[in-house]
Protein backbone atom coordinates (compact mmCIF):
# COMPACT_ATOMS: atom_id res chain seq x y z
CA MET A 1 -19.66 20.32 8.26
CA ARG A 2 -18.34 23.54 9.26
CA GLY A 3 -18.28 24.45 12.66
CA GLN A 4 -18.31 21.05 14.07
CA PRO A 5 -15.60 20.32 16.04
CA ARG A 6 -13.18 17.43 14.64
CA GLY A 7 -13.88 14.67 17.02
CA ARG A 8 -17.87 15.07 15.89
CA MET A 9 -16.93 15.04 12.35
CA MET A 10 -14.93 11.87 12.93
CA ARG A 11 -17.22 9.83 14.75
CA THR A 12 -19.76 10.89 12.16
CA GLY A 13 -18.00 9.40 9.65
CA ARG A 14 -17.26 6.69 11.11
CA TRP A 15 -20.55 6.05 11.63
CA LEU A 16 -21.54 7.02 7.84
CA MET A 17 -18.50 4.59 7.06
CA LEU A 18 -19.78 1.68 8.85
CA VAL A 19 -23.48 1.95 7.59
CA ALA A 20 -22.46 2.13 4.30
CA VAL A 21 -20.56 -1.27 4.10
CA ALA A 22 -23.08 -2.72 6.26
CA ALA A 23 -25.64 -1.67 3.14
CA MET A 24 -22.95 -2.68 0.69
CA THR A 25 -23.34 -6.47 2.05
CA GLY A 26 -26.89 -6.23 2.52
CA ALA A 27 -27.00 -6.77 6.53
CA VAL A 28 -28.93 -3.57 7.50
CA ASN A 29 -32.20 -3.42 8.60
CA THR A 30 -34.63 -0.31 8.33
CA ILE A 31 -32.82 2.00 10.90
CA GLY A 32 -29.59 1.36 9.61
CA VAL A 33 -27.91 -1.00 12.30
CA ALA A 34 -26.30 -4.01 11.09
CA VAL A 35 -27.62 -7.38 12.10
CA ALA A 36 -26.51 -11.02 10.95
CA ALA A 37 -28.92 -12.78 9.09
CA GLU A 38 -29.54 -16.41 9.67
CA SER A 39 -27.76 -18.87 6.87
CA GLU A 40 -28.71 -22.60 6.04
CA THR A 41 -26.73 -25.06 3.82
CA LEU A 42 -28.51 -26.47 1.10
CA ALA A 43 -26.18 -28.60 -0.45
CA THR A 44 -22.40 -28.98 -0.01
CA SER A 45 -18.98 -30.07 -1.82
CA ALA A 46 -17.87 -31.27 1.73
CA GLY A 47 -14.61 -33.31 1.10
CA ALA A 48 -11.36 -33.43 -0.60
CA ALA A 49 -10.42 -29.99 -1.89
CA VAL A 50 -11.73 -28.98 -5.53
CA ALA A 51 -8.70 -29.82 -7.66
CA LEU A 52 -8.61 -27.21 -10.79
CA GLY A 53 -6.42 -27.85 -13.97
CA ALA A 54 -6.29 -26.58 -17.44
CA ALA A 55 -9.54 -28.81 -18.29
CA PRO A 56 -13.58 -28.05 -16.80
CA VAL A 57 -14.22 -29.80 -13.74
CA THR A 58 -17.69 -30.48 -12.76
CA VAL A 59 -18.56 -31.26 -8.90
CA THR A 60 -21.05 -32.57 -7.55
CA LEU A 61 -22.72 -30.49 -4.56
CA ALA A 62 -24.65 -33.11 -2.45
CA PRO A 63 -27.77 -31.83 0.04
CA ALA A 64 -26.71 -31.15 3.66
CA ALA A 65 -29.57 -33.23 5.75
CA GLY A 66 -30.17 -35.78 3.55
CA LYS A 67 -33.41 -34.16 1.67
CA ALA A 68 -33.30 -33.62 -2.12
CA LEU A 69 -32.23 -30.43 -3.28
CA SER A 70 -35.23 -29.84 -4.93
CA ALA A 71 -37.44 -29.89 -1.85
CA ARG A 72 -35.00 -27.93 0.08
CA VAL A 73 -34.88 -25.11 -2.21
CA ALA A 74 -38.57 -25.20 -2.40
CA ALA A 75 -38.54 -24.46 1.74
CA ALA A 76 -36.51 -21.97 1.40
CA SER A 77 -38.26 -18.98 2.54
CA GLU A 78 -39.82 -16.87 -0.12
CA GLY A 79 -37.96 -13.20 1.23
CA ARG A 80 -34.12 -15.56 1.31
CA LYS A 81 -31.26 -15.42 -1.53
CA VAL A 82 -29.45 -18.34 -2.27
CA TYR A 83 -25.18 -18.08 -2.58
CA LEU A 84 -22.99 -20.01 -4.44
CA VAL A 85 -20.37 -20.00 -1.84
CA ALA A 86 -16.76 -20.46 -2.40
CA LYS A 87 -14.13 -21.06 0.63
CA GLY A 88 -10.51 -21.78 0.55
CA LEU A 89 -8.68 -20.95 -2.48
CA GLY A 90 -5.26 -21.97 -2.59
CA THR A 91 -2.63 -22.52 -5.29
CA ASP A 92 1.32 -23.29 -5.23
CA ALA A 93 1.74 -20.68 -7.68
CA PRO A 94 -0.41 -18.46 -9.41
CA PRO A 95 -2.46 -19.70 -12.14
CA GLU A 96 -2.95 -16.61 -14.47
CA THR A 97 -5.94 -17.26 -15.35
CA ILE A 98 -9.87 -17.05 -14.21
CA TYR A 99 -11.93 -19.89 -13.42
CA GLN A 100 -15.51 -19.34 -14.73
CA LEU A 101 -18.36 -20.75 -12.35
CA TYR A 102 -21.60 -22.68 -13.89
CA LEU A 103 -24.62 -24.24 -11.89
CA GLY A 104 -26.89 -26.59 -13.08
CA LEU A 105 -24.62 -26.41 -17.07
CA PRO A 106 -26.83 -29.99 -18.66
CA GLN A 107 -24.24 -32.11 -20.50
CA GLY A 108 -23.24 -31.42 -23.54
CA THR A 109 -24.36 -27.55 -23.95
CA ALA A 110 -21.44 -25.21 -24.26
CA PRO A 111 -20.06 -23.36 -21.23
CA THR A 112 -20.21 -19.37 -22.60
CA PRO A 113 -20.12 -16.16 -20.00
CA ASP A 114 -23.57 -15.49 -21.97
CA SER A 115 -24.88 -18.78 -20.82
CA PRO A 116 -27.81 -18.55 -18.60
CA TYR A 117 -25.99 -21.38 -16.40
CA TYR A 118 -23.25 -18.47 -15.71
CA VAL A 119 -22.66 -17.73 -12.19
CA GLY A 120 -19.49 -15.53 -12.24
CA ALA A 121 -15.24 -15.80 -11.92
CA LEU A 122 -13.23 -16.52 -9.81
CA ASN A 123 -9.60 -15.36 -9.43
CA PHE A 124 -6.70 -16.14 -7.14
CA PHE A 125 -5.24 -13.35 -6.37
CA ASN A 126 -3.90 -13.15 -2.55
CA ALA A 127 -5.06 -17.02 -2.57
CA ALA A 128 -3.72 -18.88 0.76
CA ARG A 129 -0.38 -20.17 -0.16
CA GLY A 130 0.58 -23.83 0.36
CA GLY A 131 -1.70 -26.17 -1.33
CA ALA A 132 -4.95 -27.54 -0.33
CA GLU A 133 -4.45 -27.76 3.34
CA ALA A 134 -3.60 -23.91 3.45
CA ALA A 135 -6.43 -23.27 2.05
CA ARG A 136 -8.71 -25.11 3.90
CA SER A 137 -7.82 -22.99 7.05
CA ASP A 138 -8.38 -19.94 4.63
CA PRO A 139 -11.43 -18.09 6.42
CA ARG A 140 -12.16 -16.06 3.23
CA PHE A 141 -14.25 -16.75 0.81
CA LEU A 142 -16.36 -15.69 -2.54
CA SER A 143 -19.70 -15.58 -2.80
CA PHE A 144 -22.35 -15.37 -6.06
CA ASP A 145 -25.95 -14.61 -5.63
CA VAL A 146 -27.73 -17.78 -8.06
CA THR A 147 -31.07 -17.37 -6.31
CA HIS A 148 -32.55 -16.63 -9.76
CA LEU A 149 -30.69 -19.23 -11.52
CA MET A 150 -31.69 -21.73 -8.68
CA LYS A 151 -35.77 -20.77 -9.33
CA SER A 152 -35.45 -21.29 -12.98
CA LEU A 153 -33.47 -24.50 -12.40
CA GLN A 154 -36.38 -25.18 -9.99
CA SER A 155 -39.43 -24.15 -12.45
CA GLN A 156 -37.72 -26.15 -15.08
CA ARG A 157 -37.61 -29.07 -12.94
CA ALA A 158 -33.77 -29.38 -13.83
CA LEU A 159 -33.24 -29.39 -10.24
CA GLY A 160 -33.09 -32.87 -8.78
CA GLU A 161 -31.13 -34.25 -5.40
CA ASN A 162 -28.09 -32.64 -6.27
CA ALA A 163 -26.48 -29.86 -7.92
CA THR A 164 -23.42 -29.54 -10.32
CA VAL A 165 -20.81 -26.62 -10.75
CA THR A 166 -18.96 -26.73 -13.19
CA ILE A 167 -15.54 -24.72 -13.39
CA VAL A 168 -13.74 -23.68 -16.67
CA PRO A 169 -10.59 -22.03 -16.95
CA ALA A 170 -10.84 -18.98 -19.28
CA GLY A 171 -7.48 -19.40 -20.00
CA LYS A 172 -4.15 -20.78 -20.16
CA LEU A 173 -3.38 -22.82 -16.82
CA ARG A 174 0.61 -21.67 -15.66
CA ALA A 175 2.61 -24.89 -15.91
CA GLY A 176 3.22 -25.31 -11.94
CA ALA A 177 0.12 -23.69 -10.75
CA ARG A 178 -2.23 -26.09 -8.60
CA PRO A 179 -5.22 -24.08 -7.79
CA VAL A 180 -7.56 -25.72 -5.06
CA ILE A 181 -11.13 -24.91 -3.76
CA GLY A 182 -11.80 -26.14 -0.31
CA GLU A 183 -15.11 -26.17 -0.14
CA ILE A 184 -18.29 -25.26 -2.59
CA SER A 185 -21.70 -24.84 -1.33
CA LEU A 186 -25.10 -23.01 -1.93
CA VAL A 187 -26.24 -21.22 1.06
CA ALA A 188 -29.69 -19.60 1.66
CA GLN A 189 -29.49 -16.57 3.54
């Protein structure tokens, strides 16, 4: 970029950085302009915050609009992706372990990261301090693309009215830590 005025290089650099960030988040159309995709909540844990501890926790995600989850997934348009979203992470003290997430893990099946039900891992780095109420007001969230897993569960007829998320600590929980997740949901976008 030799010979260009410094101001023009900075503006071009900022524009390229914005396009790169939008591309990484999947919000770019074919001409490189950021667009917001419409999202639809398919199911949610809405209600009390999910308290985590030293043992696995299973959370039921109920459909958002009264229709069975299997019907809602089938009705979601073909070009959309489904994400498992965890909002409002909070803790009183760092738990010193990560938590592994599994979607639709059948009862009696051992939770292992090489399982087809494994979604990803949560950590509480930089989570809201002060427990469940502080976590609920935290706007940050983590999302995991579960589109293929949802289609697999649908094809196996393992998806009924609800979905379950099993959250398993990967190590020993620090004494005095009380990690919580404000809400877990499945979102089509």
